[in-house]
Structures are given as structure tokens and as C-alpha cells.
């Protein structure tokens, strides 16, 4: 029998926006995307699923499957040098507790 983790055939890097200790030339805090976690994952296409982000409706380019990890809609994901914006995070349960995470993504342009 195949386990869920056996299906996670890609490797992705979860990145989070963090404020640095310094400021830029306009006096705003320095911000940068920092690696939070390298994680096994599986990237697939959701066939153009519409996702509501605030008042805007956007089309998700991809669906990412992960183990039950800390990921939010403010994060980014990098897979094979391509950066994706996390549009929606859905936590799935198996009847006992949290089982895995599905994250809808779009390519950062």
C-alpha cells in the first residue's frame, strides 16, 4: 500500500516575508523573503480554479499538496527555481486529526 508521503515527489522551499533590522532609502523597514522550510510536496494543475482573495477573484495556476506544515496565504513557494504566490491554504483531515495541506498557487510574474 502506498503512503501519502510517497506521492510527494517534488521538493519545495517555503519562503516568508520578514522585516529586517534596517531601513531603505525612504525610511521604510527592509523586508526580504527568507527560507522557512524545505519540504516534500507535489505540484499539480487544478484546471483553472477560481479563488477569492479579498474582494478580487483570481485563477489558481497550480495546486500544491504538502504534509501538515505551517504555511499561510502570505508565503511564497519555490519549486525548480519558479516562484509561486500562495493564494489559499486548505487543511485536510482524516477523521483523526489534520492529515495534509492543499495550497492553491499562482506563478509570481
N, C-alpha and C. Protein backbone atom coordinates (compact mmCIF):
# COMPACT_ATOMS: atom_id res chain seq x y z
N UNK A 1 0.84 -1.18 0.00
CA UNK A 1 0.00 0.00 0.00
C UNK A 1 0.89 1.25 0.00
N UNK A 2 0.53 2.23 -0.81
CA UNK A 2 1.32 3.45 -0.92
C UNK A 2 0.86 4.48 0.11
N UNK A 3 1.82 5.09 0.79
CA UNK A 3 1.51 6.13 1.77
C UNK A 3 1.41 7.49 1.09
N UNK A 4 0.71 8.40 1.74
CA UNK A 4 0.56 9.76 1.20
C UNK A 4 1.91 10.39 0.91
N UNK A 5 2.86 10.24 1.82
CA UNK A 5 4.17 10.87 1.64
C UNK A 5 4.91 10.31 0.43
N UNK A 6 4.60 9.09 0.00
CA UNK A 6 5.22 8.53 -1.21
C UNK A 6 4.79 9.27 -2.47
N UNK A 7 3.65 9.97 -2.41
CA UNK A 7 3.15 10.72 -3.56
C UNK A 7 3.78 12.10 -3.69
N UNK A 8 4.48 12.54 -2.66
CA UNK A 8 5.09 13.87 -2.65
C UNK A 8 6.44 13.79 -3.35
N UNK A 9 6.43 13.93 -4.67
CA UNK A 9 7.60 13.65 -5.49
C UNK A 9 8.45 14.87 -5.80
N UNK A 10 7.98 16.07 -5.45
CA UNK A 10 8.73 17.29 -5.67
C UNK A 10 9.33 17.77 -4.35
N UNK A 11 10.25 18.72 -4.44
CA UNK A 11 10.79 19.39 -3.26
C UNK A 11 10.54 20.87 -3.43
N UNK A 12 10.01 21.50 -2.38
CA UNK A 12 9.74 22.93 -2.47
C UNK A 12 10.33 23.65 -1.27
N UNK A 13 10.57 24.93 -1.46
CA UNK A 13 11.05 25.80 -0.39
C UNK A 13 9.94 26.78 -0.05
N UNK A 14 9.55 26.81 1.21
CA UNK A 14 8.56 27.76 1.69
C UNK A 14 9.31 29.02 2.10
N UNK A 15 8.89 30.18 1.59
CA UNK A 15 9.53 31.46 1.90
C UNK A 15 8.52 32.36 2.61
N UNK A 16 9.01 33.13 3.57
CA UNK A 16 8.16 34.04 4.34
C UNK A 16 8.77 35.43 4.34
N UNK A 17 7.92 36.44 4.22
CA UNK A 17 8.36 37.83 4.22
C UNK A 17 8.69 38.24 5.65
N UNK A 18 9.92 38.73 5.86
CA UNK A 18 10.35 39.16 7.19
C UNK A 18 10.91 40.57 7.12
N UNK A 19 10.73 41.29 8.21
CA UNK A 19 11.28 42.64 8.31
C UNK A 19 12.69 42.57 8.86
N UNK A 20 13.59 43.28 8.20
CA UNK A 20 14.96 43.33 8.67
C UNK A 20 15.15 44.42 9.71
N UNK A 21 16.32 44.46 10.28
CA UNK A 21 16.57 45.48 11.31
C UNK A 21 16.81 46.87 10.73
N UNK A 22 17.13 46.96 9.44
CA UNK A 22 17.46 48.25 8.84
C UNK A 22 16.28 48.90 8.14
N UNK A 23 16.57 50.01 7.48
CA UNK A 23 15.57 50.73 6.70
C UNK A 23 16.14 51.01 5.32
N UNK A 24 15.23 51.21 4.34
CA UNK A 24 15.68 51.53 2.99
C UNK A 24 15.89 53.04 2.87
N UNK A 25 16.18 53.51 1.67
CA UNK A 25 16.49 54.92 1.46
C UNK A 25 15.29 55.85 1.71
N UNK A 26 14.09 55.30 1.78
CA UNK A 26 12.90 56.09 2.07
C UNK A 26 12.50 56.03 3.54
N UNK A 27 13.27 55.30 4.35
CA UNK A 27 12.96 55.17 5.76
C UNK A 27 12.00 54.04 6.09
N UNK A 28 11.63 53.24 5.08
CA UNK A 28 10.76 52.09 5.32
C UNK A 28 11.59 50.91 5.80
N UNK A 29 11.02 50.03 6.64
CA UNK A 29 11.77 48.86 7.10
C UNK A 29 12.18 47.97 5.93
N UNK A 30 13.41 47.44 5.98
CA UNK A 30 13.85 46.48 4.98
C UNK A 30 13.03 45.21 5.12
N UNK A 31 12.59 44.66 4.00
CA UNK A 31 11.87 43.39 4.01
C UNK A 31 12.53 42.46 3.00
N UNK A 32 12.48 41.17 3.28
CA UNK A 32 13.04 40.19 2.35
C UNK A 32 12.32 38.86 2.54
N UNK A 33 12.39 38.02 1.50
CA UNK A 33 11.82 36.69 1.56
C UNK A 33 12.88 35.74 2.11
N UNK A 34 12.58 35.11 3.22
CA UNK A 34 13.51 34.21 3.90
C UNK A 34 13.01 32.78 3.82
N UNK A 35 13.92 31.83 3.55
CA UNK A 35 13.56 30.41 3.54
C UNK A 35 13.13 29.99 4.93
N UNK A 36 11.94 29.37 5.01
CA UNK A 36 11.41 28.88 6.27
C UNK A 36 11.57 27.37 6.38
N UNK A 37 11.36 26.67 5.24
CA UNK A 37 11.32 25.22 5.29
C UNK A 37 11.53 24.64 3.90
N UNK A 38 12.31 23.58 3.80
CA UNK A 38 12.40 22.77 2.59
C UNK A 38 11.53 21.55 2.84
N UNK A 39 10.65 21.24 1.91
CA UNK A 39 9.60 20.27 2.18
C UNK A 39 9.29 19.43 0.96
N UNK A 40 9.00 18.15 1.18
CA UNK A 40 8.49 17.31 0.09
C UNK A 40 7.09 17.78 -0.25
N UNK A 41 6.76 17.78 -1.54
CA UNK A 41 5.46 18.28 -1.98
C UNK A 41 5.11 17.64 -3.32
N UNK A 42 3.92 17.94 -3.81
CA UNK A 42 3.52 17.51 -5.15
C UNK A 42 2.74 18.64 -5.80
N UNK A 43 3.17 19.05 -6.98
CA UNK A 43 2.55 20.14 -7.71
C UNK A 43 1.66 19.56 -8.80
N UNK A 44 0.42 20.05 -8.87
CA UNK A 44 -0.49 19.61 -9.93
C UNK A 44 -1.30 20.80 -10.42
N UNK A 45 -2.07 20.61 -11.48
CA UNK A 45 -2.88 21.68 -12.05
C UNK A 45 -4.33 21.50 -11.62
N UNK A 46 -4.95 22.57 -11.04
CA UNK A 46 -6.35 22.45 -10.62
C UNK A 46 -7.35 22.79 -11.73
N UNK A 47 -6.88 22.93 -12.96
CA UNK A 47 -7.74 23.26 -14.11
C UNK A 47 -8.44 24.60 -13.94
N UNK A 48 -7.69 25.64 -13.57
CA UNK A 48 -8.21 26.99 -13.53
C UNK A 48 -9.23 27.27 -12.45
N UNK A 49 -9.00 26.82 -11.27
CA UNK A 49 -9.93 27.05 -10.16
C UNK A 49 -9.93 28.52 -9.76
N UNK A 50 -11.12 29.09 -9.59
CA UNK A 50 -11.24 30.47 -9.16
C UNK A 50 -11.13 30.53 -7.64
N UNK A 51 -10.30 31.46 -7.15
CA UNK A 51 -10.07 31.65 -5.72
C UNK A 51 -10.39 33.09 -5.40
N UNK A 52 -11.15 33.32 -4.33
CA UNK A 52 -11.44 34.68 -3.90
C UNK A 52 -10.36 35.12 -2.92
N UNK A 53 -9.66 36.19 -3.28
CA UNK A 53 -8.60 36.76 -2.44
C UNK A 53 -9.05 38.18 -2.11
N UNK A 54 -9.54 38.38 -0.89
CA UNK A 54 -10.12 39.68 -0.53
C UNK A 54 -11.35 39.92 -1.39
N UNK A 55 -11.39 41.06 -2.08
CA UNK A 55 -12.52 41.37 -2.96
C UNK A 55 -12.27 40.92 -4.39
N UNK A 56 -11.09 40.39 -4.66
CA UNK A 56 -10.68 40.01 -6.01
C UNK A 56 -10.83 38.51 -6.21
N UNK A 57 -11.25 38.10 -7.40
CA UNK A 57 -11.29 36.69 -7.77
C UNK A 57 -10.14 36.45 -8.74
N UNK A 58 -9.28 35.48 -8.41
CA UNK A 58 -8.13 35.16 -9.25
C UNK A 58 -8.18 33.69 -9.63
N UNK A 59 -7.47 33.35 -10.66
CA UNK A 59 -7.40 31.97 -11.13
C UNK A 59 -6.12 31.33 -10.59
N UNK A 60 -6.27 30.21 -9.89
CA UNK A 60 -5.10 29.48 -9.40
C UNK A 60 -4.48 28.70 -10.55
N UNK A 61 -3.17 28.83 -10.70
CA UNK A 61 -2.44 28.11 -11.74
C UNK A 61 -2.17 26.66 -11.34
N UNK A 62 -1.93 26.44 -10.03
CA UNK A 62 -1.50 25.13 -9.56
C UNK A 62 -2.09 24.80 -8.20
N UNK A 63 -2.09 23.51 -7.89
CA UNK A 63 -2.47 23.00 -6.58
C UNK A 63 -1.28 22.26 -6.02
N UNK A 64 -0.88 22.61 -4.80
CA UNK A 64 0.29 22.02 -4.16
C UNK A 64 -0.18 21.18 -2.98
N UNK A 65 0.28 19.93 -2.93
CA UNK A 65 -0.02 19.03 -1.82
C UNK A 65 1.21 18.95 -0.91
N UNK A 66 0.99 19.08 0.39
CA UNK A 66 2.08 19.06 1.38
C UNK A 66 1.66 18.23 2.59
N UNK A 67 2.64 17.86 3.40
CA UNK A 67 2.30 17.29 4.70
C UNK A 67 1.68 18.40 5.54
N UNK A 68 1.23 18.08 6.73
CA UNK A 68 0.60 19.07 7.62
C UNK A 68 1.71 19.98 8.18
N UNK A 69 1.97 21.09 7.46
CA UNK A 69 3.04 22.01 7.85
C UNK A 69 2.50 23.42 8.03
N UNK A 70 3.34 24.30 8.55
CA UNK A 70 2.99 25.72 8.73
C UNK A 70 3.21 26.45 7.41
N UNK A 71 2.12 26.78 6.72
CA UNK A 71 2.16 27.57 5.50
C UNK A 71 0.93 28.46 5.52
N UNK A 72 1.07 29.71 5.05
CA UNK A 72 -0.05 30.65 5.06
C UNK A 72 -0.20 31.31 3.70
N UNK A 73 -1.27 32.07 3.54
CA UNK A 73 -1.51 32.80 2.30
C UNK A 73 -0.53 33.96 2.10
N UNK A 74 0.26 34.28 3.09
CA UNK A 74 1.26 35.35 2.94
C UNK A 74 2.61 34.79 2.49
N UNK A 75 2.74 33.48 2.36
CA UNK A 75 4.00 32.85 1.99
C UNK A 75 4.15 32.74 0.48
N UNK A 76 5.35 32.37 0.07
CA UNK A 76 5.65 32.01 -1.31
C UNK A 76 6.29 30.63 -1.32
N UNK A 77 6.23 29.97 -2.47
CA UNK A 77 6.79 28.64 -2.63
C UNK A 77 7.69 28.65 -3.85
N UNK A 78 8.88 28.05 -3.73
CA UNK A 78 9.78 27.94 -4.87
C UNK A 78 9.98 26.46 -5.18
N UNK A 79 9.71 26.10 -6.45
CA UNK A 79 9.91 24.74 -6.93
C UNK A 79 10.67 24.83 -8.25
N UNK A 80 11.81 24.16 -8.33
CA UNK A 80 12.63 24.16 -9.55
C UNK A 80 12.87 25.58 -10.06
N UNK A 81 13.25 26.48 -9.18
CA UNK A 81 13.58 27.88 -9.48
C UNK A 81 12.40 28.74 -9.94
N UNK A 82 11.18 28.23 -9.85
CA UNK A 82 9.97 29.00 -10.18
C UNK A 82 9.31 29.40 -8.86
N UNK A 83 8.95 30.69 -8.75
CA UNK A 83 8.34 31.21 -7.53
C UNK A 83 6.83 31.33 -7.71
N UNK A 84 6.10 30.84 -6.70
CA UNK A 84 4.64 30.86 -6.71
C UNK A 84 4.13 31.63 -5.50
N UNK A 85 3.03 32.33 -5.68
CA UNK A 85 2.34 33.03 -4.61
C UNK A 85 1.26 32.09 -4.06
N UNK A 86 1.15 31.98 -2.74
CA UNK A 86 0.13 31.15 -2.12
C UNK A 86 -1.17 31.96 -2.06
N UNK A 87 -2.21 31.48 -2.73
CA UNK A 87 -3.50 32.16 -2.77
C UNK A 87 -4.44 31.69 -1.67
N UNK A 88 -4.43 30.38 -1.41
CA UNK A 88 -5.36 29.79 -0.45
C UNK A 88 -4.75 28.53 0.13
N UNK A 89 -4.87 28.36 1.45
CA UNK A 89 -4.40 27.16 2.14
C UNK A 89 -5.61 26.44 2.70
N UNK A 90 -5.73 25.15 2.37
CA UNK A 90 -6.83 24.32 2.87
C UNK A 90 -6.23 23.17 3.66
N UNK A 91 -6.61 23.05 4.92
CA UNK A 91 -6.13 21.96 5.78
C UNK A 91 -7.13 20.81 5.71
N UNK A 92 -6.65 19.63 5.38
CA UNK A 92 -7.50 18.45 5.24
C UNK A 92 -7.32 17.52 6.44
N UNK A 93 -8.40 16.88 6.84
CA UNK A 93 -8.36 15.96 7.98
C UNK A 93 -8.70 14.55 7.52
N UNK A 94 -8.29 13.58 8.35
CA UNK A 94 -8.55 12.18 8.00
C UNK A 94 -9.49 11.50 9.00
N UNK A 95 -10.21 12.25 9.79
CA UNK A 95 -11.11 11.67 10.78
C UNK A 95 -10.48 11.57 12.15
N UNK A 96 -9.17 11.61 12.21
CA UNK A 96 -8.45 11.55 13.49
C UNK A 96 -7.88 12.93 13.83
N UNK A 97 -7.44 13.64 12.82
CA UNK A 97 -6.83 14.97 13.01
C UNK A 97 -6.38 15.50 11.67
N UNK A 98 -5.56 16.54 11.71
CA UNK A 98 -5.03 17.12 10.47
C UNK A 98 -4.18 16.09 9.74
N UNK A 99 -4.38 15.99 8.42
CA UNK A 99 -3.69 14.99 7.62
C UNK A 99 -2.69 15.61 6.65
N UNK A 100 -3.15 16.59 5.86
CA UNK A 100 -2.27 17.24 4.90
C UNK A 100 -2.80 18.62 4.57
N UNK A 101 -2.02 19.34 3.78
CA UNK A 101 -2.36 20.71 3.38
C UNK A 101 -2.42 20.75 1.85
N UNK A 102 -3.43 21.46 1.35
CA UNK A 102 -3.51 21.76 -0.07
C UNK A 102 -3.40 23.28 -0.21
N UNK A 103 -2.49 23.73 -1.06
CA UNK A 103 -2.28 25.17 -1.25
C UNK A 103 -2.48 25.49 -2.73
N UNK A 104 -3.36 26.45 -2.99
CA UNK A 104 -3.58 26.92 -4.35
C UNK A 104 -2.59 28.03 -4.65
N UNK A 105 -1.93 27.94 -5.81
CA UNK A 105 -0.83 28.83 -6.15
C UNK A 105 -1.05 29.52 -7.49
N UNK A 106 -0.36 30.64 -7.66
CA UNK A 106 -0.21 31.22 -8.99
C UNK A 106 1.23 31.66 -9.13
N UNK A 107 1.71 31.63 -10.36
CA UNK A 107 3.09 31.99 -10.64
C UNK A 107 3.29 33.47 -10.39
N UNK A 108 4.40 33.81 -9.72
CA UNK A 108 4.74 35.21 -9.49
C UNK A 108 5.28 35.75 -10.81
N UNK A 109 4.67 36.82 -11.28
CA UNK A 109 5.08 37.41 -12.57
C UNK A 109 5.88 38.66 -12.35
